Amino acid sequence: MAELFEVAMILCFGASWPMSVVKSYKARTAKGKSLLFLLLIITGYVAGITAKLINEAYMASIATKWYVLFFYVVNLLTVSADLCLYFRNRKLDKEAAKEEADS
């Protein structure tokens, strides 16, 4: 039962990340994004995944509880995509600022 609540938590957190990725992609700016926040979220997901992998009881039942780890990994990948877009958008911001300064 605890795993179901954990999945619910991960799904609730994870539901917003695809929207954030789309917004970052369309916005083409890093303004309003926090690098520290993204890195903290990624660190949290890595810690959660590590906790699952070193938990002997969880690993003993992974055949029936794989979905919990799956959602951690999906969220980690989604936040990582947002992090990549942050760096792309920061580069675009610098290019735009340079063009504005040159004109």
C-alpha atoms as a PDB file:
ATOM      1  CA  MET A   1       0.000   0.000   0.000  1.00  0.00           C
ATOM      2  CA  ALA A   2       2.863   2.400   0.811  1.00  0.00           C
ATOM      3  CA  GLU A   3       4.153   1.999  -2.738  1.00  0.00           C
ATOM      4  CA  LEU A   4       0.808   3.133  -4.158  1.00  0.00           C
ATOM      5  CA  PHE A   5       0.968   6.340  -2.135  1.00  0.00           C
ATOM      6  CA  GLU A   6       4.553   6.804  -3.251  1.00  0.00           C
ATOM      7  CA  VAL A   7       3.518   6.381  -6.885  1.00  0.00           C
ATOM      8  CA  ALA A   8       0.700   8.884  -6.342  1.00  0.00           C
ATOM      9  CA  MET A   9       3.231  11.384  -4.990  1.00  0.00           C
ATOM     10  CA  ILE A  10       5.607  10.784  -7.895  1.00  0.00           C
ATOM     11  CA  LEU A  11       2.754  11.100 -10.420  1.00  0.00           C
ATOM     12  CA  CYS A  12       1.597  14.367  -8.867  1.00  0.00           C
ATOM     13  CA  PHE A  13       5.115  15.799  -8.986  1.00  0.00           C
ATOM     14  CA  GLY A  14       5.728  14.326 -12.408  1.00  0.00           C
ATOM     15  CA  ALA A  15       2.550  15.694 -13.971  1.00  0.00           C
ATOM     16  CA  SER A  16       3.958  19.206 -13.978  1.00  0.00           C
ATOM     17  CA  TRP A  17       7.343  18.416 -15.527  1.00  0.00           C
ATOM     18  CA  PRO A  18       6.167  17.735 -19.103  1.00  0.00           C
ATOM     19  CA  MET A  19       4.323  21.079 -19.023  1.00  0.00           C
ATOM     20  CA  SER A  20       7.484  22.766 -17.768  1.00  0.00           C
ATOM     21  CA  VAL A  21       9.534  21.205 -20.571  1.00  0.00           C
ATOM     22  CA  VAL A  22       7.061  22.380 -23.221  1.00  0.00           C
ATOM     23  CA  LYS A  23       6.981  25.865 -21.696  1.00  0.00           C
ATOM     24  CA  SER A  24      10.796  26.019 -21.619  1.00  0.00           C
ATOM     25  CA  TYR A  25      10.983  24.856 -25.225  1.00  0.00           C
ATOM     26  CA  LYS A  26       8.450  27.397 -26.466  1.00  0.00           C
ATOM     27  CA  ALA A  27       9.654  30.300 -24.324  1.00  0.00           C
ATOM     28  CA  ARG A  28      13.231  30.142 -25.661  1.00  0.00           C
ATOM     29  CA  THR A  29      14.429  32.009 -22.561  1.00  0.00           C
ATOM     30  CA  ALA A  30      15.904  30.953 -19.236  1.00  0.00           C
ATOM     31  CA  LYS A  31      14.319  33.906 -17.480  1.00  0.00           C
ATOM     32  CA  GLY A  32      12.169  32.702 -14.616  1.00  0.00           C
ATOM     33  CA  LYS A  33      13.974  29.348 -14.350  1.00  0.00           C
ATOM     34  CA  SER A  34      16.209  28.427 -11.443  1.00  0.00           C
ATOM     35  CA  LEU A  35      19.247  26.284 -12.128  1.00  0.00           C
ATOM     36  CA  LEU A  36      19.596  25.519  -8.416  1.00  0.00           C
ATOM     37  CA  PHE A  37      15.964  24.375  -8.221  1.00  0.00           C
ATOM     38  CA  LEU A  38      16.369  22.018 -11.185  1.00  0.00           C
ATOM     39  CA  LEU A  39      19.593  20.596  -9.750  1.00  0.00           C
ATOM     40  CA  LEU A  40      17.960  20.045  -6.356  1.00  0.00           C
ATOM     41  CA  ILE A  41      15.036  18.212  -7.952  1.00  0.00           C
ATOM     42  CA  ILE A  42      17.406  16.036  -9.993  1.00  0.00           C
ATOM     43  CA  THR A  43      19.441  15.295  -6.862  1.00  0.00           C
ATOM     44  CA  GLY A  44      16.242  14.307  -5.057  1.00  0.00           C
ATOM     45  CA  TYR A  45      15.218  11.893  -7.797  1.00  0.00           C
ATOM     46  CA  VAL A  46      18.719  10.372  -7.903  1.00  0.00           C
ATOM     47  CA  ALA A  47      18.548   9.939  -4.119  1.00  0.00           C
ATOM     48  CA  GLY A  48      15.113   8.303  -4.409  1.00  0.00           C
ATOM     49  CA  ILE A  49      16.320   5.923  -7.104  1.00  0.00           C
ATOM     50  CA  THR A  50      19.411   5.082  -5.074  1.00  0.00           C
ATOM     51  CA  ALA A  51      17.274   4.449  -1.987  1.00  0.00           C
ATOM     52  CA  LYS A  52      15.167   1.980  -3.964  1.00  0.00           C
ATOM     53  CA  LEU A  53      18.198   0.212  -5.419  1.00  0.00           C
ATOM     54  CA  ILE A  54      19.892  -0.276  -2.041  1.00  0.00           C
ATOM     55  CA  ASN A  55      16.694  -1.318  -0.227  1.00  0.00           C
ATOM     56  CA  GLU A  56      16.937  -5.103  -0.012  1.00  0.00           C
ATOM     57  CA  ALA A  57      13.228  -5.559   0.688  1.00  0.00           C
ATOM     58  CA  TYR A  58      12.292  -3.485  -2.359  1.00  0.00           C
ATOM     59  CA  MET A  59      14.796  -5.243  -4.604  1.00  0.00           C
ATOM     60  CA  ALA A  60      13.500  -8.622  -3.440  1.00  0.00           C
ATOM     61  CA  SER A  61      10.042  -7.653  -4.691  1.00  0.00           C
ATOM     62  CA  ILE A  62      11.051  -5.607  -7.753  1.00  0.00           C
ATOM     63  CA  ALA A  63       9.294  -8.035 -10.096  1.00  0.00           C
ATOM     64  CA  THR A  64       5.952  -6.858  -8.703  1.00  0.00           C
ATOM     65  CA  LYS A  65       6.902  -3.310  -7.641  1.00  0.00           C
ATOM     66  CA  TRP A  66       8.992  -2.169 -10.615  1.00  0.00           C
ATOM     67  CA  TYR A  67       6.527   0.609 -11.413  1.00  0.00           C
ATOM     68  CA  VAL A  68       7.649   2.703  -8.419  1.00  0.00           C
ATOM     69  CA  LEU A  69      11.233   2.855  -9.678  1.00  0.00           C
ATOM     70  CA  PHE A  70       9.965   3.380 -13.227  1.00  0.00           C
ATOM     71  CA  PHE A  71       8.187   6.615 -12.268  1.00  0.00           C
ATOM     72  CA  TYR A  72      11.267   7.923 -10.485  1.00  0.00           C
ATOM     73  CA  VAL A  73      13.317   7.354 -13.639  1.00  0.00           C
ATOM     74  CA  VAL A  74      10.705   8.935 -15.935  1.00  0.00           C
ATOM     75  CA  ASN A  75      10.580  12.042 -13.740  1.00  0.00           C
ATOM     76  CA  LEU A  76      14.373  12.208 -13.565  1.00  0.00           C
ATOM     77  CA  LEU A  77      14.579  12.099 -17.362  1.00  0.00           C
ATOM     78  CA  THR A  78      11.902  14.760 -17.744  1.00  0.00           C
ATOM     79  CA  VAL A  79      13.568  17.151 -15.287  1.00  0.00           C
ATOM     80  CA  SER A  80      16.903  16.451 -17.000  1.00  0.00           C
ATOM     81  CA  ALA A  81      15.338  17.470 -20.315  1.00  0.00           C
ATOM     82  CA  ASP A  82      14.197  20.701 -18.675  1.00  0.00           C
ATOM     83  CA  LEU A  83      17.766  21.223 -17.433  1.00  0.00           C
ATOM     84  CA  CYS A  84      19.097  20.807 -20.989  1.00  0.00           C
ATOM     85  CA  LEU A  85      16.543  23.336 -22.217  1.00  0.00           C
ATOM     86  CA  TYR A  86      17.660  25.722 -19.462  1.00  0.00           C
ATOM     87  CA  PHE A  87      21.194  25.724 -20.890  1.00  0.00           C
ATOM     88  CA  ARG A  88      19.905  26.047 -24.459  1.00  0.00           C
ATOM     89  CA  ASN A  89      17.707  28.950 -23.448  1.00  0.00           C
ATOM     90  CA  ARG A  90      20.484  30.630 -21.489  1.00  0.00           C
ATOM     91  CA  LYS A  91      22.624  30.495 -24.638  1.00  0.00           C
ATOM     92  CA  LEU A  92      19.747  31.982 -26.643  1.00  0.00           C
ATOM     93  CA  ASP A  93      19.399  34.749 -24.031  1.00  0.00           C
ATOM     94  CA  LYS A  94      23.100  35.598 -24.366  1.00  0.00           C
ATOM     95  CA  GLU A  95      22.861  35.644 -28.172  1.00  0.00           C
ATOM     96  CA  ALA A  96      19.807  37.894 -28.027  1.00  0.00           C
ATOM     97  CA  ALA A  97      21.538  40.248 -25.593  1.00  0.00           C
ATOM     98  CA  LYS A  98      24.584  40.426 -27.858  1.00  0.00           C
ATOM     99  CA  GLU A  99      22.443  41.178 -30.912  1.00  0.00           C
ATOM    100  CA  GLU A 100      20.615  43.869 -28.976  1.00  0.00           C
ATOM    101  CA  ALA A 101      23.908  45.421 -27.843  1.00  0.00           C
ATOM    102  CA  ASP A 102      25.286  45.344 -31.395  1.00  0.00           C
ATOM    103  CA  SER A 103      22.296  47.149 -32.854  1.00  0.00           C
END
